[in-house]
Amino acid sequence: MQVLELVTFKSKAGVSRQKMLELNKLVMGQVREFSGFLYRSVCYQKDSDTWFDVVYWQDEAAAKSAQEKFMQSKVCQQLMAIIDIESTKMQHADILLSSQCTETESCG
């Protein structure tokens, strides 16, 4: 079953939006290489000064494997260095219905 990973976080004080986007572009290249990767988007909510990192994975095993690889990646560690870790929340959910899934390729 495909899995959605949603990570919300704030950047550390003094980190510009531009810096956050630059590092996320590098991270995007790394994450694309992880087995089971389907899709990723990074969003910013100005009102709450919160970032949203949304990733679709082929299954739960791929999401868990990617999490381990993410923490070992040098570029991903650079991103973690500018994130306020206390503000970070990670969630996973099974995808039950999606416009990206067809009748022959079920999400669940």
PDB file of N, CA and C in Angstrom:
ATOM      1  N   MET A   1       0.841  -1.175   0.000  1.00  0.00           N
ATOM      2  CA  MET A   1       0.000   0.000   0.000  1.00  0.00           C
ATOM      3  C   MET A   1       0.888   1.241   0.000  1.00  0.00           C
ATOM      4  N   GLN A   2       0.563   2.200  -0.862  1.00  0.00           N
ATOM      5  CA  GLN A   2       1.325   3.434  -0.904  1.00  0.00           C
ATOM      6  C   GLN A   2       1.161   4.215   0.400  1.00  0.00           C
ATOM      7  N   VAL A   3       2.193   4.983   0.739  1.00  0.00           N
ATOM      8  CA  VAL A   3       2.225   5.703   2.009  1.00  0.00           C
ATOM      9  C   VAL A   3       2.559   7.173   1.775  1.00  0.00           C
ATOM     10  N   LEU A   4       1.855   8.022   2.486  1.00  0.00           N
ATOM     11  CA  LEU A   4       2.135   9.455   2.498  1.00  0.00           C
ATOM     12  C   LEU A   4       2.970   9.763   3.731  1.00  0.00           C
ATOM     13  N   GLU A   5       4.024  10.523   3.545  1.00  0.00           N
ATOM     14  CA  GLU A   5       4.830  11.004   4.665  1.00  0.00           C
ATOM     15  C   GLU A   5       4.661  12.520   4.709  1.00  0.00           C
ATOM     16  N   LEU A   6       4.254  13.036   5.857  1.00  0.00           N
ATOM     17  CA  LEU A   6       4.081  14.472   6.039  1.00  0.00           C
ATOM     18  C   LEU A   6       4.949  14.917   7.199  1.00  0.00           C
ATOM     19  N   VAL A   7       5.885  15.810   6.896  1.00  0.00           N
ATOM     20  CA  VAL A   7       6.754  16.364   7.925  1.00  0.00           C
ATOM     21  C   VAL A   7       6.515  17.865   7.959  1.00  0.00           C
ATOM     22  N   THR A   8       6.177  18.376   9.143  1.00  0.00           N
ATOM     23  CA  THR A   8       6.039  19.815   9.323  1.00  0.00           C
ATOM     24  C   THR A   8       7.162  20.289  10.229  1.00  0.00           C
ATOM     25  N   PHE A   9       7.666  21.474   9.949  1.00  0.00           N
ATOM     26  CA  PHE A   9       8.777  22.002  10.735  1.00  0.00           C
ATOM     27  C   PHE A   9       8.920  23.502  10.515  1.00  0.00           C
ATOM     28  N   LYS A  10       9.703  24.122  11.389  1.00  0.00           N
ATOM     29  CA  LYS A  10      10.084  25.523  11.256  1.00  0.00           C
ATOM     30  C   LYS A  10      11.596  25.572  11.103  1.00  0.00           C
ATOM     31  N   SER A  11      12.066  26.601  10.442  1.00  0.00           N
ATOM     32  CA  SER A  11      13.511  26.767  10.321  1.00  0.00           C
ATOM     33  C   SER A  11      14.047  27.444  11.582  1.00  0.00           C
ATOM     34  N   LYS A  12      15.341  27.282  11.797  1.00  0.00           N
ATOM     35  CA  LYS A  12      15.977  27.962  12.921  1.00  0.00           C
ATOM     36  C   LYS A  12      15.954  29.469  12.664  1.00  0.00           C
ATOM     37  N   ALA A  13      16.033  30.241  13.715  1.00  0.00           N
ATOM     38  CA  ALA A  13      16.037  31.701  13.609  1.00  0.00           C
ATOM     39  C   ALA A  13      17.169  32.147  12.687  1.00  0.00           C
ATOM     40  N   GLY A  14      16.862  33.089  11.826  1.00  0.00           N
ATOM     41  CA  GLY A  14      17.871  33.658  10.942  1.00  0.00           C
ATOM     42  C   GLY A  14      18.066  32.931   9.632  1.00  0.00           C
ATOM     43  N   VAL A  15      17.410  31.792   9.441  1.00  0.00           N
ATOM     44  CA  VAL A  15      17.529  31.039   8.186  1.00  0.00           C
ATOM     45  C   VAL A  15      16.526  31.597   7.183  1.00  0.00           C
ATOM     46  N   SER A  16      17.021  32.021   6.030  1.00  0.00           N
ATOM     47  CA  SER A  16      16.143  32.612   5.012  1.00  0.00           C
ATOM     48  C   SER A  16      15.360  31.543   4.260  1.00  0.00           C
ATOM     49  N   ARG A  17      14.258  31.969   3.678  1.00  0.00           N
ATOM     50  CA  ARG A  17      13.477  31.058   2.834  1.00  0.00           C
ATOM     51  C   ARG A  17      14.325  30.564   1.673  1.00  0.00           C
ATOM     52  N   GLN A  18      15.146  31.465   1.120  1.00  0.00           N
ATOM     53  CA  GLN A  18      16.004  31.108   0.003  1.00  0.00           C
ATOM     54  C   GLN A  18      16.971  29.982   0.377  1.00  0.00           C
ATOM     55  N   LYS A  19      17.576  30.073   1.553  1.00  0.00           N
ATOM     56  CA  LYS A  19      18.507  29.034   2.019  1.00  0.00           C
ATOM     57  C   LYS A  19      17.774  27.705   2.181  1.00  0.00           C
ATOM     58  N   MET A  20      16.582  27.758   2.769  1.00  0.00           N
ATOM     59  CA  MET A  20      15.795  26.544   2.961  1.00  0.00           C
ATOM     60  C   MET A  20      15.464  25.901   1.611  1.00  0.00           C
ATOM     61  N   LEU A  21      15.093  26.719   0.635  1.00  0.00           N
ATOM     62  CA  LEU A  21      14.765  26.183  -0.690  1.00  0.00           C
ATOM     63  C   LEU A  21      16.002  25.611  -1.395  1.00  0.00           C
ATOM     64  N   GLU A  22      17.139  26.289  -1.272  1.00  0.00           N
ATOM     65  CA  GLU A  22      18.362  25.799  -1.895  1.00  0.00           C
ATOM     66  C   GLU A  22      18.726  24.407  -1.369  1.00  0.00           C
ATOM     67  N   LEU A  23      18.687  24.248  -0.057  1.00  0.00           N
ATOM     68  CA  LEU A  23      19.022  22.936   0.517  1.00  0.00           C
ATOM     69  C   LEU A  23      17.980  21.890   0.157  1.00  0.00           C
ATOM     70  N   ASN A  24      16.710  22.282   0.109  1.00  0.00           N
ATOM     71  CA  ASN A  24      15.668  21.321  -0.248  1.00  0.00           C
ATOM     72  C   ASN A  24      15.790  20.863  -1.693  1.00  0.00           C
ATOM     73  N   LYS A  25      16.298  21.712  -2.574  1.00  0.00           N
ATOM     74  CA  LYS A  25      16.542  21.283  -3.955  1.00  0.00           C
ATOM     75  C   LYS A  25      17.611  20.195  -3.985  1.00  0.00           C
ATOM     76  N   LEU A  26      18.653  20.358  -3.174  1.00  0.00           N
ATOM     77  CA  LEU A  26      19.700  19.333  -3.098  1.00  0.00           C
ATOM     78  C   LEU A  26      19.156  18.038  -2.499  1.00  0.00           C
ATOM     79  N   VAL A  27      18.344  18.189  -1.453  1.00  0.00           N
ATOM     80  CA  VAL A  27      17.729  17.023  -0.810  1.00  0.00           C
ATOM     81  C   VAL A  27      16.819  16.294  -1.805  1.00  0.00           C
ATOM     82  N   MET A  28      16.113  17.063  -2.640  1.00  0.00           N
ATOM     83  CA  MET A  28      15.221  16.462  -3.631  1.00  0.00           C
ATOM     84  C   MET A  28      15.984  15.484  -4.514  1.00  0.00           C
ATOM     85  N   GLY A  29      17.169  15.891  -4.960  1.00  0.00           N
ATOM     86  CA  GLY A  29      17.984  15.008  -5.794  1.00  0.00           C
ATOM     87  C   GLY A  29      18.359  13.730  -5.067  1.00  0.00           C
ATOM     88  N   GLN A  30      18.637  13.831  -3.781  1.00  0.00           N
ATOM     89  CA  GLN A  30      19.005  12.663  -2.977  1.00  0.00           C
ATOM     90  C   GLN A  30      17.801  11.751  -2.763  1.00  0.00           C
ATOM     91  N   VAL A  31      16.682  12.317  -2.382  1.00  0.00           N
ATOM     92  CA  VAL A  31      15.484  11.536  -2.066  1.00  0.00           C
ATOM     93  C   VAL A  31      14.970  10.793  -3.297  1.00  0.00           C
ATOM     94  N   ARG A  32      15.108  11.395  -4.460  1.00  0.00           N
ATOM     95  CA  ARG A  32      14.680  10.735  -5.703  1.00  0.00           C
ATOM     96  C   ARG A  32      15.396   9.408  -5.932  1.00  0.00           C
ATOM     97  N   GLU A  33      16.579   9.274  -5.356  1.00  0.00           N
ATOM     98  CA  GLU A  33      17.375   8.064  -5.520  1.00  0.00           C
ATOM     99  C   GLU A  33      16.955   6.938  -4.576  1.00  0.00           C
ATOM    100  N   PHE A  34      16.166   7.258  -3.558  1.00  0.00           N
ATOM    101  CA  PHE A  34      15.754   6.259  -2.582  1.00  0.00           C
ATOM    102  C   PHE A  34      14.735   5.304  -3.193  1.00  0.00           C
ATOM    103  N   SER A  35      14.920   4.025  -2.924  1.00  0.00           N
ATOM    104  CA  SER A  35      14.016   2.999  -3.433  1.00  0.00           C
ATOM    105  C   SER A  35      12.596   3.240  -2.931  1.00  0.00           C
ATOM    106  N   GLY A  36      11.632   3.132  -3.821  1.00  0.00           N
ATOM    107  CA  GLY A  36      10.231   3.286  -3.449  1.00  0.00           C
ATOM    108  C   GLY A  36       9.725   4.710  -3.486  1.00  0.00           C
ATOM    109  N   PHE A  37      10.577   5.674  -3.864  1.00  0.00           N
ATOM    110  CA  PHE A  37      10.170   7.078  -3.957  1.00  0.00           C
ATOM    111  C   PHE A  37       9.191   7.254  -5.112  1.00  0.00           C
ATOM    112  N   LEU A  38       8.111   8.002  -4.865  1.00  0.00           N
ATOM    113  CA  LEU A  38       7.144   8.297  -5.920  1.00  0.00           C
ATOM    114  C   LEU A  38       7.069   9.784  -6.242  1.00  0.00           C
ATOM    115  N   TYR A  39       6.980  10.625  -5.209  1.00  0.00           N
ATOM    116  CA  TYR A  39       6.720  12.047  -5.439  1.00  0.00           C
ATOM    117  C   TYR A  39       7.039  12.837  -4.178  1.00  0.00           C
ATOM    118  N   ARG A  40       7.534  14.080  -4.334  1.00  0.00           N
ATOM    119  CA  ARG A  40       7.815  14.937  -3.181  1.00  0.00           C
ATOM    120  C   ARG A  40       7.481  16.377  -3.520  1.00  0.00           C
ATOM    121  N   SER A  41       6.922  17.072  -2.556  1.00  0.00           N
ATOM    122  CA  SER A  41       6.732  18.515  -2.683  1.00  0.00           C
ATOM    123  C   SER A  41       7.060  19.169  -1.346  1.00  0.00           C
ATOM    124  N   VAL A  42       7.555  20.395  -1.436  1.00  0.00           N
ATOM    125  CA  VAL A  42       7.888  21.181  -0.247  1.00  0.00           C
ATOM    126  C   VAL A  42       7.047  22.446  -0.313  1.00  0.00           C
ATOM    127  N   CYS A  43       6.351  22.731   0.779  1.00  0.00           N
ATOM    128  CA  CYS A  43       5.440  23.868   0.831  1.00  0.00           C
ATOM    129  C   CYS A  43       5.761  24.742   2.037  1.00  0.00           C
ATOM    130  N   TYR A  44       5.321  25.992   1.961  1.00  0.00           N
ATOM    131  CA  TYR A  44       5.553  26.925   3.060  1.00  0.00           C
ATOM    132  C   TYR A  44       4.266  27.657   3.376  1.00  0.00           C
ATOM    133  N   GLN A  45       3.905  27.698   4.663  1.00  0.00           N
ATOM    134  CA  GLN A  45       2.715  28.410   5.122  1.00  0.00           C
ATOM    135  C   GLN A  45       3.192  29.675   5.843  1.00  0.00           C
ATOM    136  N   LYS A  46       3.006  30.791   5.184  1.00  0.00           N
ATOM    137  CA  LYS A  46       3.519  32.069   5.686  1.00  0.00           C
ATOM    138  C   LYS A  46       2.917  32.456   7.036  1.00  0.00           C
ATOM    139  N   ASP A  47       1.615  32.268   7.202  1.00  0.00           N
ATOM    140  CA  ASP A  47       0.928  32.696   8.433  1.00  0.00           C
ATOM    141  C   ASP A  47       1.509  32.059   9.689  1.00  0.00           C
ATOM    142  N   SER A  48       1.895  30.796   9.586  1.00  0.00           N
ATOM    143  CA  SER A  48       2.422  30.094  10.765  1.00  0.00           C
ATOM    144  C   SER A  48       3.943  29.889  10.686  1.00  0.00           C
ATOM    145  N   ASP A  49       4.558  30.380   9.600  1.00  0.00           N
ATOM    146  CA  ASP A  49       5.995  30.223   9.387  1.00  0.00           C
ATOM    147  C   ASP A  49       6.393  28.742   9.474  1.00  0.00           C
ATOM    148  N   THR A  50       5.573  27.894   8.833  1.00  0.00           N
ATOM    149  CA  THR A  50       5.756  26.441   8.894  1.00  0.00           C
ATOM    150  C   THR A  50       5.999  25.875   7.510  1.00  0.00           C
ATOM    151  N   TRP A  51       6.944  24.943   7.440  1.00  0.00           N
ATOM    152  CA  TRP A  51       7.249  24.215   6.213  1.00  0.00           C
ATOM    153  C   TRP A  51       6.546  22.864   6.240  1.00  0.00           C
ATOM    154  N   PHE A  52       6.144  22.388   5.068  1.00  0.00           N
ATOM    155  CA  PHE A  52       5.518  21.082   4.903  1.00  0.00           C
ATOM    156  C   PHE A  52       6.336  20.316   3.868  1.00  0.00           C
ATOM    157  N   ASP A  53       6.796  19.154   4.236  1.00  0.00           N
ATOM    158  CA  ASP A  53       7.520  18.278   3.323  1.00  0.00           C
ATOM    159  C   ASP A  53       6.631  17.057   3.117  1.00  0.00           C
ATOM    160  N   VAL A  54       6.140  16.901   1.898  1.00  0.00           N
ATOM    161  CA  VAL A  54       5.177  15.846   1.585  1.00  0.00           C
ATOM    162  C   VAL A  54       5.825  14.869   0.617  1.00  0.00           C
ATOM    163  N   VAL A  55       5.886  13.597   1.028  1.00  0.00           N
ATOM    164  CA  VAL A  55       6.512  12.579   0.179  1.00  0.00           C
ATOM    165  C   VAL A  55       5.570  11.385   0.048  1.00  0.00           C
ATOM    166  N   TYR A  56       5.445  10.894  -1.166  1.00  0.00           N
ATOM    167  CA  TYR A  56       4.683   9.675  -1.430  1.00  0.00           C
ATOM    168  C   TYR A  56       5.680   8.538  -1.649  1.00  0.00           C
ATOM    169  N   TRP A  57       5.441   7.422  -0.950  1.00  0.00           N
ATOM    170  CA  TRP A  57       6.297   6.239  -1.034  1.00  0.00           C
ATOM    171  C   TRP A  57       5.497   5.053  -1.548  1.00  0.00           C
ATOM    172  N   GLN A  58       6.186   4.117  -2.167  1.00  0.00           N
ATOM    173  CA  GLN A  58       5.544   2.912  -2.696  1.00  0.00           C
ATOM    174  C   GLN A  58       4.871   2.094  -1.592  1.00  0.00           C
ATOM    175  N   ASP A  59       5.523   2.050  -0.423  1.00  0.00           N
ATOM    176  CA  ASP A  59       4.954   1.313   0.699  1.00  0.00           C
ATOM    177  C   ASP A  59       5.647   1.741   1.993  1.00  0.00           C
ATOM    178  N   GLU A  60       5.191   1.193   3.100  1.00  0.00           N
ATOM    179  CA  GLU A  60       5.722   1.556   4.412  1.00  0.00           C
ATOM    180  C   GLU A  60       7.199   1.181   4.552  1.00  0.00           C
ATOM    181  N   ALA A  61       7.581   0.053   4.005  1.00  0.00           N
ATOM    182  CA  ALA A  61       8.982  -0.382   4.083  1.00  0.00           C
ATOM    183  C   ALA A  61       9.896   0.624   3.383  1.00  0.00           C
ATOM    184  N   ALA A  62       9.474   1.148   2.245  1.00  0.00           N
ATOM    185  CA  ALA A  62      10.269   2.141   1.517  1.00  0.00           C
ATOM    186  C   ALA A  62      10.393   3.424   2.329  1.00  0.00           C
ATOM    187  N   ALA A  63       9.309   3.832   2.980  1.00  0.00           N
ATOM    188  CA  ALA A  63       9.326   5.047   3.805  1.00  0.00           C
ATOM    189  C   ALA A  63      10.305   4.889   4.966  1.00  0.00           C
ATOM    190  N   LYS A  64      10.275   3.743   5.612  1.00  0.00           N
ATOM    191  CA  LYS A  64      11.172   3.498   6.756  1.00  0.00           C
ATOM    192  C   LYS A  64      12.631   3.415   6.303  1.00  0.00           C
ATOM    193  N   SER A  65      12.876   2.754   5.208  1.00  0.00           N
ATOM    194  CA  SER A  65      14.231   2.642   4.676  1.00  0.00           C
ATOM    195  C   SER A  65      14.774   4.023   4.300  1.00  0.00           C
ATOM    196  N   ALA A  66      13.928   4.830   3.674  1.00  0.00           N
ATOM    197  CA  ALA A  66      14.342   6.181   3.272  1.00  0.00           C
ATOM    198  C   ALA A  66      14.668   7.038   4.487  1.00  0.00           C
ATOM    199  N   GLN A  67      13.931   6.860   5.559  1.00  0.00           N
ATOM    200  CA  GLN A  67      14.179   7.643   6.771  1.00  0.00           C
ATOM    201  C   GLN A  67      15.596   7.363   7.299  1.00  0.00           C
ATOM    202  N   GLU A  68      16.004   6.115   7.279  1.00  0.00           N
ATOM    203  CA  GLU A  68      17.351   5.746   7.728  1.00  0.00           C
ATOM    204  C   GLU A  68      18.414   6.324   6.792  1.00  0.00           C
ATOM    205  N   LYS A  69      18.186   6.214   5.489  1.00  0.00           N
ATOM    206  CA  LYS A  69      19.135   6.734   4.507  1.00  0.00           C
ATOM    207  C   LYS A  69      19.209   8.258   4.584  1.00  0.00           C
ATOM    208  N   PHE A  70      18.073   8.891   4.829  1.00  0.00           N
ATOM    209  CA  PHE A  70      18.012  10.347   4.942  1.00  0.00           C
ATOM    210  C   PHE A  70      18.943  10.825   6.050  1.00  0.00           C
ATOM    211  N   MET A  71      18.879  10.177   7.197  1.00  0.00           N
ATOM    212  CA  MET A  71      19.674  10.599   8.346  1.00  0.00           C
ATOM    213  C   MET A  71      21.175  10.392   8.115  1.00  0.00           C
ATOM    214  N   GLN A  72      21.544   9.502   7.203  1.00  0.00           N
ATOM    215  CA  GLN A  72      22.954   9.221   6.917  1.00  0.00           C
ATOM    216  C   GLN A  72      23.512  10.097   5.792  1.00  0.00           C
ATOM    217  N   SER A  73      22.636  10.716   5.018  1.00  0.00           N
ATOM    218  CA  SER A  73      23.046  11.512   3.872  1.00  0.00           C
ATOM    219  C   SER A  73      23.630  12.862   4.320  1.00  0.00           C
ATOM    220  N   LYS A  74      24.772  13.230   3.769  1.00  0.00           N
ATOM    221  CA  LYS A  74      25.420  14.494   4.139  1.00  0.00           C
ATOM    222  C   LYS A  74      24.553  15.701   3.779  1.00  0.00           C
ATOM    223  N   VAL A  75      23.953  15.682   2.593  1.00  0.00           N
ATOM    224  CA  VAL A  75      23.113  16.814   2.192  1.00  0.00           C
ATOM    225  C   VAL A  75      21.868  16.902   3.076  1.00  0.00           C
ATOM    226  N   CYS A  76      21.325  15.773   3.448  1.00  0.00           N
ATOM    227  CA  CYS A  76      20.154  15.773   4.329  1.00  0.00           C
ATOM    228  C   CYS A  76      20.539  16.256   5.731  1.00  0.00           C
ATOM    229  N   GLN A  77      21.739  15.941   6.172  1.00  0.00           N
ATOM    230  CA  GLN A  77      22.222  16.432   7.461  1.00  0.00           C
ATOM    231  C   GLN A  77      22.386  17.950   7.441  1.00  0.00           C
ATOM    232  N   GLN A  78      22.761  18.498   6.289  1.00  0.00           N
ATOM    233  CA  GLN A  78      22.860  19.955   6.152  1.00  0.00           C
ATOM    234  C   GLN A  78      21.489  20.603   6.335  1.00  0.00           C
ATOM    235  N   LEU A  79      20.470  19.970   5.765  1.00  0.00           N
ATOM    236  CA  LEU A  79      19.109  20.487   5.934  1.00  0.00           C
ATOM    237  C   LEU A  79      18.694  20.404   7.393  1.00  0.00           C
ATOM    238  N   MET A  80      18.958  19.272   8.020  1.00  0.00           N
ATOM    239  CA  MET A  80      18.582  19.105   9.432  1.00  0.00           C
ATOM    240  C   MET A  80      19.244  20.147  10.323  1.00  0.00           C
ATOM    241  N   ALA A  81      20.423  20.626   9.931  1.00  0.00           N
ATOM    242  CA  ALA A  81      21.157  21.603  10.731  1.00  0.00           C
ATOM    243  C   ALA A  81      20.474  22.969  10.772  1.00  0.00           C
ATOM    244  N   ILE A  82      19.593  23.256   9.809  1.00  0.00           N
ATOM    245  CA  ILE A  82      18.925  24.564   9.799  1.00  0.00           C
ATOM    246  C   ILE A  82      17.449  24.462  10.191  1.00  0.00           C
ATOM    247  N   ILE A  83      17.024  23.268  10.613  1.00  0.00           N
ATOM    248  CA  ILE A  83      15.648  23.044  11.051  1.00  0.00           C
ATOM    249  C   ILE A  83      15.563  23.093  12.567  1.00  0.00           C
ATOM    250  N   ASP A  84      14.514  23.737  13.075  1.00  0.00           N
ATOM    251  CA  ASP A  84      14.232  23.728  14.509  1.00  0.00           C
ATOM    252  C   ASP A  84      13.640  22.354  14.842  1.00  0.00           C
ATOM    253  N   ILE A  85      14.470  21.480  15.362  1.00  0.00           N
ATOM    254  CA  ILE A  85      14.079  20.085  15.598  1.00  0.00           C
ATOM    255  C   ILE A  85      12.867  19.991  16.539  1.00  0.00           C
ATOM    256  N   GLU A  86      12.785  20.877  17.505  1.00  0.00           N
ATOM    257  CA  GLU A  86      11.662  20.854  18.462  1.00  0.00           C
ATOM    258  C   GLU A  86      10.322  21.089  17.771  1.00  0.00           C
ATOM    259  N   SER A  87      10.332  21.761  16.640  1.00  0.00           N
ATOM    260  CA  SER A  87       9.084  22.061  15.924  1.00  0.00           C
ATOM    261  C   SER A  87       8.686  20.955  14.955  1.00  0.00           C
ATOM    262  N   THR A  88       9.556  19.978  14.774  1.00  0.00           N
ATOM    263  CA  THR A  88       9.359  18.955  13.744  1.00  0.00           C
ATOM    264  C   THR A  88       8.351  17.890  14.170  1.00  0.00           C
ATOM    265  N   LYS A  89       7.452  17.584  13.238  1.00  0.00           N
ATOM    266  CA  LYS A  89       6.480  16.509  13.461  1.00  0.00           C
ATOM    267  C   LYS A  89       6.407  15.671  12.180  1.00  0.00           C
ATOM    268  N   MET A  90       6.614  14.363  12.316  1.00  0.00           N
ATOM    269  CA  MET A  90       6.539  13.454  11.171  1.00  0.00           C
ATOM    270  C   MET A  90       5.354  12.521  11.341  1.00  0.00           C
ATOM    271  N   GLN A  91       4.600  12.370  10.246  1.00  0.00           N
ATOM    272  CA  GLN A  91       3.439  11.482  10.257  1.00  0.00           C
ATOM    273  C   GLN A  91       3.460  10.628   8.986  1.00  0.00           C
ATOM    274  N   HIS A  92       2.941   9.425   9.098  1.00  0.00           N
ATOM    275  CA  HIS A  92       2.769   8.538   7.951  1.00  0.00           C
ATOM    276  C   HIS A  92       1.309   8.096   7.902  1.00  0.00           C
ATOM    277  N   ALA A  93       0.792   7.942   6.688  1.00  0.00           N
ATOM    278  CA  ALA A  93      -0.591   7.491   6.527  1.00  0.00           C
ATOM    279  C   ALA A  93      -0.696   6.643   5.263  1.00  0.00           C
ATOM    280  N   ASP A  94      -1.515   5.620   5.316  1.00  0.00           N
ATOM    281  CA  ASP A  94      -1.789   4.791   4.143  1.00  0.00           C
ATOM    282  C   ASP A  94      -2.651   5.578   3.172  1.00  0.00           C
ATOM    283  N   ILE A  95      -2.320   5.527   1.899  1.00  0.00           N
ATOM    284  CA  ILE A  95      -3.103   6.205   0.871  1.00  0.00           C
ATOM    285  C   ILE A  95      -4.212   5.260   0.428  1.00  0.00           C
ATOM    286  N   LEU A  96      -5.425   5.676   0.629  1.00  0.00           N
ATOM    287  CA  LEU A  96      -6.581   4.835   0.308  1.00  0.00           C
ATOM    288  C   LEU A  96      -7.199   5.190  -1.039  1.00  0.00           C
ATOM    289  N   LEU A  97      -7.053   6.452  -1.449  1.00  0.00           N
ATOM    290  CA  LEU A  97      -7.628   6.904  -2.708  1.00  0.00           C
ATOM    291  C   LEU A  97      -6.766   8.038  -3.243  1.00  0.00           C
ATOM    292  N   SER A  98      -6.428   7.989  -4.530  1.00  0.00           N
ATOM    293  CA  SER A  98      -5.572   9.010  -5.122  1.00  0.00           C
ATOM    294  C   SER A  98      -5.870   9.135  -6.605  1.00  0.00           C
ATOM    295  N   SER A  99      -5.743  10.340  -7.124  1.00  0.00           N
ATOM    296  CA  SER A  99      -5.918  10.541  -8.564  1.00  0.00           C
ATOM    297  C   SER A  99      -4.774   9.903  -9.349  1.00  0.00           C
ATOM    298  N   GLN A 100      -3.669   9.567  -8.664  1.00  0.00           N
ATOM    299  CA  GLN A 100      -2.518   8.958  -9.314  1.00  0.00           C
ATOM    300  C   GLN A 100      -2.647   7.445  -9.459  1.00  0.00           C
ATOM    301  N   CYS A 101      -3.609   6.836  -8.796  1.00  0.00           N
ATOM    302  CA  CYS A 101      -3.790   5.387  -8.872  1.00  0.00           C
ATOM    303  C   CYS A 101      -4.894   5.044  -9.853  1.00  0.00           C
ATOM    304  N   THR A 102      -4.677   3.979 -10.587  1.00  0.00           N
ATOM    305  CA  THR A 102      -5.673   3.524 -11.546  1.00  0.00           C
ATOM    306  C   THR A 102      -6.365   2.296 -10.996  1.00  0.00           C
ATOM    307  N   GLU A 103      -7.363   1.827 -11.702  1.00  0.00           N
ATOM    308  CA  GLU A 103      -8.071   0.614 -11.266  1.00  0.00           C
ATOM    309  C   GLU A 103      -7.140  -0.593 -11.275  1.00  0.00           C
ATOM    310  N   THR A 104      -6.178  -0.606 -12.203  1.00  0.00           N
ATOM    311  CA  THR A 104      -5.251  -1.740 -12.270  1.00  0.00           C
ATOM    312  C   THR A 104      -4.071  -1.572 -11.306  1.00  0.00           C
ATOM    313  N   GLU A 105      -3.839  -0.349 -10.857  1.00  0.00           N
ATOM    314  CA  GLU A 105      -2.754  -0.084  -9.917  1.00  0.00           C
ATOM    315  C   GLU A 105      -3.364   0.570  -8.679  1.00  0.00           C
ATOM    316  N   SER A 106      -3.825  -0.221  -7.797  1.00  0.00           N
ATOM    317  CA  SER A 106      -4.489   0.275  -6.597  1.00  0.00           C
ATOM    318  C   SER A 106      -3.502   0.869  -5.618  1.00  0.00           C
ATOM    319  N   CYS A 107      -3.920   1.935  -4.940  1.00  0.00           N
ATOM    320  CA  CYS A 107      -3.084   2.539  -3.899  1.00  0.00           C
ATOM    321  C   CYS A 107      -3.075   1.659  -2.658  1.00  0.00           C
ATOM    322  N   GLY A 108      -4.135   0.937  -2.458  1.00  0.00           N
ATOM    323  CA  GLY A 108      -4.239   0.167  -1.235  1.00  0.00           C
ATOM    324  C   GLY A 108      -4.446  -1.283  -1.469  1.00  0.00           C
TER     325      GLY A 108
END
